[in-house]
PDB file of all heavy atoms in Angstrom:
ATOM      1  N   HIS A   1       0.829  -1.210  -0.001  1.00  0.00           N
ATOM      2  CA  HIS A   1       0.003   0.013  -0.001  1.00  0.00           C
ATOM      3  C   HIS A   1       0.865   1.252  -0.004  1.00  0.00           C
ATOM      4  O   HIS A   1       0.562   2.220  -0.720  1.00  0.00           O
ATOM      5  CB  HIS A   1      -0.915   0.012   1.238  1.00  0.00           C
ATOM      6  CG  HIS A   1      -2.191  -0.725   1.035  1.00  0.00           C
ATOM      7  ND1 HIS A   1      -2.373  -2.018   1.468  1.00  0.00           N
ATOM      8  CD2 HIS A   1      -3.349  -0.336   0.466  1.00  0.00           C
ATOM      9  CE1 HIS A   1      -3.589  -2.401   1.166  1.00  0.00           C
ATOM     10  NE2 HIS A   1      -4.225  -1.393   0.552  1.00  0.00           N
ATOM     11  N   ALA A   2       1.933   1.245   0.788  1.00  0.00           N
ATOM     12  CA  ALA A   2       2.810   2.404   0.853  1.00  0.00           C
ATOM     13  C   ALA A   2       3.426   2.685  -0.512  1.00  0.00           C
ATOM     14  O   ALA A   2       3.503   3.849  -0.958  1.00  0.00           O
ATOM     15  CB  ALA A   2       3.896   2.169   1.907  1.00  0.00           C
ATOM     16  N   ILE A   3       3.834   1.630  -1.210  1.00  0.00           N
ATOM     17  CA  ILE A   3       4.470   1.782  -2.530  1.00  0.00           C
ATOM     18  C   ILE A   3       3.444   2.217  -3.564  1.00  0.00           C
ATOM     19  O   ILE A   3       3.782   3.005  -4.482  1.00  0.00           O
ATOM     20  CB  ILE A   3       5.185   0.484  -2.922  1.00  0.00           C
ATOM     21  CG1 ILE A   3       6.430   0.283  -2.021  1.00  0.00           C
ATOM     22  CG2 ILE A   3       5.566   0.495  -4.396  1.00  0.00           C
ATOM     23  CD1 ILE A   3       7.031  -1.117  -2.075  1.00  0.00           C
ATOM     24  N   GLN A   4       2.220   1.754  -3.455  1.00  0.00           N
ATOM     25  CA  GLN A   4       1.193   2.187  -4.387  1.00  0.00           C
ATOM     26  C   GLN A   4       0.930   3.679  -4.285  1.00  0.00           C
ATOM     27  O   GLN A   4       0.706   4.369  -5.259  1.00  0.00           O
ATOM     28  CB  GLN A   4      -0.110   1.451  -4.094  1.00  0.00           C
ATOM     29  CG  GLN A   4      -0.105  -0.017  -4.588  1.00  0.00           C
ATOM     30  CD  GLN A   4      -1.349  -0.774  -4.124  1.00  0.00           C
ATOM     31  OE1 GLN A   4      -2.279  -0.173  -3.555  1.00  0.00           O
ATOM     32  NE2 GLN A   4      -1.376  -2.065  -4.366  1.00  0.00           N
ATOM     33  N   ILE A   5       1.009   4.197  -3.057  1.00  0.00           N
ATOM     34  CA  ILE A   5       0.765   5.627  -2.843  1.00  0.00           C
ATOM     35  C   ILE A   5       1.991   6.426  -3.250  1.00  0.00           C
ATOM     36  O   ILE A   5       1.838   7.498  -3.858  1.00  0.00           O
ATOM     37  CB  ILE A   5       0.421   5.877  -1.358  1.00  0.00           C
ATOM     38  CG1 ILE A   5      -0.878   5.160  -0.984  1.00  0.00           C
ATOM     39  CG2 ILE A   5       0.264   7.371  -1.096  1.00  0.00           C
ATOM     40  CD1 ILE A   5      -1.118   5.094   0.505  1.00  0.00           C
ATOM     41  N   LYS A   6       3.182   5.908  -2.942  1.00  0.00           N
ATOM     42  CA  LYS A   6       4.422   6.634  -3.220  1.00  0.00           C
ATOM     43  C   LYS A   6       5.374   5.705  -3.966  1.00  0.00           C
ATOM     44  O   LYS A   6       6.013   4.851  -3.368  1.00  0.00           O
ATOM     45  CB  LYS A   6       5.042   7.141  -1.925  1.00  0.00           C
ATOM     46  CG  LYS A   6       6.289   7.998  -2.090  1.00  0.00           C
ATOM     47  CD  LYS A   6       6.813   8.440  -0.714  1.00  0.00           C
ATOM     48  CE  LYS A   6       8.067   9.262  -0.870  1.00  0.00           C
ATOM     49  NZ  LYS A   6       8.607   9.685   0.460  1.00  0.00           N
ATOM     50  N   LYS A   7       5.463   5.895  -5.265  1.00  0.00           N
ATOM     51  CA  LYS A   7       6.183   4.950  -6.138  1.00  0.00           C
ATOM     52  C   LYS A   7       7.667   4.890  -5.853  1.00  0.00           C
ATOM     53  O   LYS A   7       8.304   3.860  -6.087  1.00  0.00           O
ATOM     54  CB  LYS A   7       5.979   5.330  -7.615  1.00  0.00           C
ATOM     55  CG  LYS A   7       4.517   5.351  -8.058  1.00  0.00           C
ATOM     56  CD  LYS A   7       3.861   3.990  -7.899  1.00  0.00           C
ATOM     57  CE  LYS A   7       2.421   4.008  -8.410  1.00  0.00           C
ATOM     58  NZ  LYS A   7       1.730   2.728  -8.158  1.00  0.00           N
ATOM     59  N   ASP A   8       8.256   5.973  -5.353  1.00  0.00           N
ATOM     60  CA  ASP A   8       9.707   5.996  -5.109  1.00  0.00           C
ATOM     61  C   ASP A   8      10.003   5.974  -3.615  1.00  0.00           C
ATOM     62  O   ASP A   8      10.944   6.608  -3.138  1.00  0.00           O
ATOM     63  CB  ASP A   8      10.313   7.229  -5.754  1.00  0.00           C
ATOM     64  CG  ASP A   8       9.726   8.520  -5.203  1.00  0.00           C
ATOM     65  OD1 ASP A   8       8.693   8.459  -4.529  1.00  0.00           O
ATOM     66  OD2 ASP A   8      10.329   9.599  -5.446  1.00  0.00           O
ATOM     67  N   PHE A   9       9.247   5.203  -2.885  1.00  0.00           N
ATOM     68  CA  PHE A   9       9.389   5.134  -1.415  1.00  0.00           C
ATOM     69  C   PHE A   9      10.484   4.088  -1.095  1.00  0.00           C
ATOM     70  O   PHE A   9      10.208   2.903  -0.913  1.00  0.00           O
ATOM     71  CB  PHE A   9       8.078   4.732  -0.800  1.00  0.00           C
ATOM     72  CG  PHE A   9       7.948   5.077   0.663  1.00  0.00           C
ATOM     73  CD1 PHE A   9       6.725   4.994   1.323  1.00  0.00           C
ATOM     74  CD2 PHE A   9       9.026   5.506   1.427  1.00  0.00           C
ATOM     75  CE1 PHE A   9       6.573   5.287   2.652  1.00  0.00           C
ATOM     76  CE2 PHE A   9       8.905   5.827   2.765  1.00  0.00           C
ATOM     77  CZ  PHE A   9       7.664   5.728   3.373  1.00  0.00           C
ATOM     78  N   GLY A  10      11.721   4.569  -1.017  1.00  0.00           N
ATOM     79  CA  GLY A  10      12.869   3.684  -0.851  1.00  0.00           C
ATOM     80  C   GLY A  10      12.789   2.826   0.376  1.00  0.00           C
ATOM     81  O   GLY A  10      13.100   1.607   0.329  1.00  0.00           O
ATOM     82  N   GLU A  11      12.363   3.379   1.500  1.00  0.00           N
ATOM     83  CA  GLU A  11      12.317   2.600   2.745  1.00  0.00           C
ATOM     84  C   GLU A  11      11.279   1.498   2.668  1.00  0.00           C
ATOM     85  O   GLU A  11      11.493   0.400   3.201  1.00  0.00           O
ATOM     86  CB  GLU A  11      11.995   3.519   3.923  1.00  0.00           C
ATOM     87  CG  GLU A  11      12.132   2.833   5.284  1.00  0.00           C
ATOM     88  CD  GLU A  11      11.947   3.776   6.444  1.00  0.00           C
ATOM     89  OE1 GLU A  11      11.790   5.011   6.218  1.00  0.00           O
ATOM     90  OE2 GLU A  11      11.945   3.298   7.605  1.00  0.00           O
ATOM     91  N   ALA A  12      10.179   1.727   1.960  1.00  0.00           N
ATOM     92  CA  ALA A  12       9.165   0.688   1.818  1.00  0.00           C
ATOM     93  C   ALA A  12       9.695  -0.471   0.955  1.00  0.00           C
ATOM     94  O   ALA A  12       9.444  -1.634   1.256  1.00  0.00           O
ATOM     95  CB  ALA A  12       7.898   1.271   1.182  1.00  0.00           C
ATOM     96  N   TYR A  13      10.427  -0.137  -0.108  1.00  0.00           N
ATOM     97  CA  TYR A  13      11.041  -1.202  -0.932  1.00  0.00           C
ATOM     98  C   TYR A  13      12.061  -1.977  -0.116  1.00  0.00           C
ATOM     99  O   TYR A  13      12.144  -3.218  -0.199  1.00  0.00           O
ATOM    100  CB  TYR A  13      11.727  -0.595  -2.168  1.00  0.00           C
ATOM    101  CG  TYR A  13      10.758  -0.223  -3.270  1.00  0.00           C
ATOM    102  CD1 TYR A  13      10.398   1.091  -3.484  1.00  0.00           C
ATOM    103  CD2 TYR A  13      10.229  -1.194  -4.114  1.00  0.00           C
ATOM    104  CE1 TYR A  13       9.525   1.455  -4.506  1.00  0.00           C
ATOM    105  CE2 TYR A  13       9.363  -0.858  -5.141  1.00  0.00           C
ATOM    106  CZ  TYR A  13       9.006   0.463  -5.332  1.00  0.00           C
ATOM    107  OH  TYR A  13       8.132   0.794  -6.340  1.00  0.00           O
ATOM    108  N   PHE A  14      12.853  -1.254   0.681  1.00  0.00           N
ATOM    109  CA  PHE A  14      13.879  -1.915   1.501  1.00  0.00           C
ATOM    110  C   PHE A  14      13.233  -2.890   2.476  1.00  0.00           C
ATOM    111  O   PHE A  14      13.686  -4.031   2.645  1.00  0.00           O
ATOM    112  CB  PHE A  14      14.659  -0.812   2.251  1.00  0.00           C
ATOM    113  CG  PHE A  14      15.728  -1.339   3.160  1.00  0.00           C
ATOM    114  CD1 PHE A  14      16.988  -1.619   2.700  1.00  0.00           C
ATOM    115  CD2 PHE A  14      15.476  -1.506   4.533  1.00  0.00           C
ATOM    116  CE1 PHE A  14      17.984  -2.096   3.537  1.00  0.00           C
ATOM    117  CE2 PHE A  14      16.450  -2.002   5.380  1.00  0.00           C
ATOM    118  CZ  PHE A  14      17.708  -2.281   4.898  1.00  0.00           C
ATOM    119  N   ASN A  15      12.185  -2.446   3.184  1.00  0.00           N
ATOM    120  CA  ASN A  15      11.516  -3.299   4.169  1.00  0.00           C
ATOM    121  C   ASN A  15      10.756  -4.431   3.507  1.00  0.00           C
ATOM    122  O   ASN A  15      10.685  -5.542   4.058  1.00  0.00           O
ATOM    123  CB  ASN A  15      10.569  -2.456   5.033  1.00  0.00           C
ATOM    124  CG  ASN A  15      11.306  -1.515   5.971  1.00  0.00           C
ATOM    125  OD1 ASN A  15      12.536  -1.526   6.019  1.00  0.00           O
ATOM    126  ND2 ASN A  15      10.585  -0.744   6.722  1.00  0.00           N
ATOM    127  N   ARG A  16      10.231  -4.185   2.321  1.00  0.00           N
ATOM    128  CA  ARG A  16       9.557  -5.258   1.618  1.00  0.00           C
ATOM    129  C   ARG A  16      10.564  -6.318   1.188  1.00  0.00           C
ATOM    130  O   ARG A  16      10.252  -7.520   1.200  1.00  0.00           O
ATOM    131  CB  ARG A  16       8.774  -4.708   0.432  1.00  0.00           C
ATOM    132  CG  ARG A  16       7.822  -5.744  -0.189  1.00  0.00           C
ATOM    133  CD  ARG A  16       6.907  -5.149  -1.223  1.00  0.00           C
ATOM    134  NE  ARG A  16       7.619  -4.843  -2.462  1.00  0.00           N
ATOM    135  CZ  ARG A  16       6.992  -4.452  -3.588  1.00  0.00           C
ATOM    136  NH1 ARG A  16       5.674  -4.319  -3.607  1.00  0.00           N
ATOM    137  NH2 ARG A  16       7.706  -4.172  -4.662  1.00  0.00           N
ATOM    138  N   ALA A  17      11.747  -5.877   0.799  1.00  0.00           N
ATOM    139  CA  ALA A  17      12.812  -6.825   0.470  1.00  0.00           C
ATOM    140  C   ALA A  17      13.104  -7.752   1.647  1.00  0.00           C
ATOM    141  O   ALA A  17      13.337  -8.950   1.517  1.00  0.00           O
ATOM    142  CB  ALA A  17      14.055  -6.097   0.027  1.00  0.00           C
ATOM    143  N   ASN A  18      13.102  -7.167   2.848  1.00  0.00           N
ATOM    144  CA  ASN A  18      13.331  -7.932   4.062  1.00  0.00           C
ATOM    145  C   ASN A  18      12.263  -8.998   4.236  1.00  0.00           C
ATOM    146  O   ASN A  18      12.558 -10.157   4.560  1.00  0.00           O
ATOM    147  CB  ASN A  18      13.323  -6.962   5.247  1.00  0.00           C
ATOM    148  CG  ASN A  18      13.732  -7.638   6.547  1.00  0.00           C
ATOM    149  OD1 ASN A  18      14.211  -8.773   6.574  1.00  0.00           O
ATOM    150  ND2 ASN A  18      13.489  -6.953   7.667  1.00  0.00           N
ATOM    151  N   ILE A  19      10.996  -8.599   3.970  1.00  0.00           N
ATOM    152  CA  ILE A  19       9.904  -9.581   4.074  1.00  0.00           C
ATOM    153  C   ILE A  19      10.098 -10.727   3.056  1.00  0.00           C
ATOM    154  O   ILE A  19       9.998 -11.908   3.395  1.00  0.00           O
ATOM    155  CB  ILE A  19       8.550  -8.900   3.806  1.00  0.00           C
ATOM    156  CG1 ILE A  19       8.209  -7.912   4.941  1.00  0.00           C
ATOM    157  CG2 ILE A  19       7.425  -9.934   3.665  1.00  0.00           C
ATOM    158  CD1 ILE A  19       7.790  -8.543   6.218  1.00  0.00           C
ATOM    159  N   TYR A  20      10.393 -10.341   1.818  1.00  0.00           N
ATOM    160  CA  TYR A  20      10.550 -11.366   0.788  1.00  0.00           C
ATOM    161  C   TYR A  20      11.700 -12.338   1.120  1.00  0.00           C
ATOM    162  O   TYR A  20      11.626 -13.535   0.851  1.00  0.00           O
ATOM    163  CB  TYR A  20      10.793 -10.704  -0.582  1.00  0.00           C
ATOM    164  CG  TYR A  20       9.546 -10.196  -1.250  1.00  0.00           C
ATOM    165  CD1 TYR A  20       9.492  -8.898  -1.744  1.00  0.00           C
ATOM    166  CD2 TYR A  20       8.417 -11.000  -1.357  1.00  0.00           C
ATOM    167  CE1 TYR A  20       8.327  -8.410  -2.373  1.00  0.00           C
ATOM    168  CE2 TYR A  20       7.263 -10.533  -1.971  1.00  0.00           C
ATOM    169  CZ  TYR A  20       7.215  -9.245  -2.471  1.00  0.00           C
ATOM    170  OH  TYR A  20       6.076  -8.786  -3.082  1.00  0.00           O
ATOM    171  N   SER A  21      12.762 -11.793   1.726  1.00  0.00           N
ATOM    172  CA  SER A  21      13.873 -12.677   2.087  1.00  0.00           C
ATOM    173  C   SER A  21      13.462 -13.656   3.188  1.00  0.00           C
ATOM    174  O   SER A  21      13.901 -14.811   3.202  1.00  0.00           O
ATOM    175  CB  SER A  21      15.071 -11.867   2.539  1.00  0.00           C
ATOM    176  OG  SER A  21      14.846 -11.252   3.805  1.00  0.00           O
ATOM    177  N   LYS A  22      12.591 -13.207   4.080  1.00  0.00           N
ATOM    178  CA  LYS A  22      12.142 -14.076   5.167  1.00  0.00           C
ATOM    179  C   LYS A  22      11.215 -15.174   4.677  1.00  0.00           C
ATOM    180  O   LYS A  22      11.157 -16.271   5.251  1.00  0.00           O
ATOM    181  CB  LYS A  22      11.470 -13.231   6.260  1.00  0.00           C
ATOM    182  CG  LYS A  22      12.434 -12.343   7.044  1.00  0.00           C
ATOM    183  CD  LYS A  22      11.709 -11.578   8.143  1.00  0.00           C
ATOM    184  CE  LYS A  22      12.669 -10.687   8.920  1.00  0.00           C
ATOM    185  NZ  LYS A  22      13.716 -11.446   9.651  1.00  0.00           N
ATOM    186  N   ILE A  23      10.465 -14.877   3.611  1.00  0.00           N
ATOM    187  CA  ILE A  23       9.538 -15.920   3.096  1.00  0.00           C
ATOM    188  C   ILE A  23      10.153 -16.628   1.880  1.00  0.00           C
ATOM    189  O   ILE A  23       9.460 -17.282   1.111  1.00  0.00           O
ATOM    190  CB  ILE A  23       8.163 -15.302   2.753  1.00  0.00           C
ATOM    191  CG1 ILE A  23       8.290 -14.239   1.649  1.00  0.00           C
ATOM    192  CG2 ILE A  23       7.511 -14.719   3.996  1.00  0.00           C
ATOM    193  CD1 ILE A  23       6.943 -13.673   1.194  1.00  0.00           C
ATOM    194  N   GLN A  24      11.462 -16.436   1.735  1.00  0.00           N
ATOM    195  CA  GLN A  24      12.241 -17.146   0.718  1.00  0.00           C
ATOM    196  C   GLN A  24      11.892 -16.792  -0.722  1.00  0.00           C
ATOM    197  O   GLN A  24      12.123 -17.571  -1.643  1.00  0.00           O
ATOM    198  CB  GLN A  24      12.093 -18.679   0.909  1.00  0.00           C
ATOM    199  CG  GLN A  24      12.548 -19.180   2.276  1.00  0.00           C
ATOM    200  CD  GLN A  24      13.992 -18.847   2.549  1.00  0.00           C
ATOM    201  OE1 GLN A  24      14.882 -19.149   1.716  1.00  0.00           O
ATOM    202  NE2 GLN A  24      14.271 -18.210   3.680  1.00  0.00           N
ATOM    203  N   ASN A  25      11.389 -15.606  -0.947  1.00  0.00           N
ATOM    204  CA  ASN A  25      11.202 -15.126  -2.332  1.00  0.00           C
ATOM    205  C   ASN A  25      12.412 -14.242  -2.631  1.00  0.00           C
ATOM    206  O   ASN A  25      12.312 -13.000  -2.695  1.00  0.00           O
ATOM    207  CB  ASN A  25       9.902 -14.338  -2.405  1.00  0.00           C
ATOM    208  CG  ASN A  25       9.549 -14.002  -3.852  1.00  0.00           C
ATOM    209  OD1 ASN A  25      10.392 -14.010  -4.715  1.00  0.00           O
ATOM    210  ND2 ASN A  25       8.270 -13.647  -4.082  1.00  0.00           N
ATOM    211  N   LEU A  26      13.554 -14.869  -2.875  1.00  0.00           N
ATOM    212  CA  LEU A  26      14.822 -14.142  -3.014  1.00  0.00           C
ATOM    213  C   LEU A  26      14.887 -13.325  -4.296  1.00  0.00           C
ATOM    214  O   LEU A  26      15.523 -12.261  -4.339  1.00  0.00           O
ATOM    215  CB  LEU A  26      15.994 -15.126  -2.963  1.00  0.00           C
ATOM    216  CG  LEU A  26      16.110 -15.884  -1.630  1.00  0.00           C
ATOM    217  CD1 LEU A  26      17.285 -16.847  -1.682  1.00  0.00           C
ATOM    218  CD2 LEU A  26      16.279 -14.917  -0.450  1.00  0.00           C
TER     219      LEU A  26
END
């Protein structure tokens, strides 16, 4: 949702990357 509202939201991409790494979507 954060990225949908703000396309260049670097911190949201960074934290989402963390989530994906935890659920093994490398």
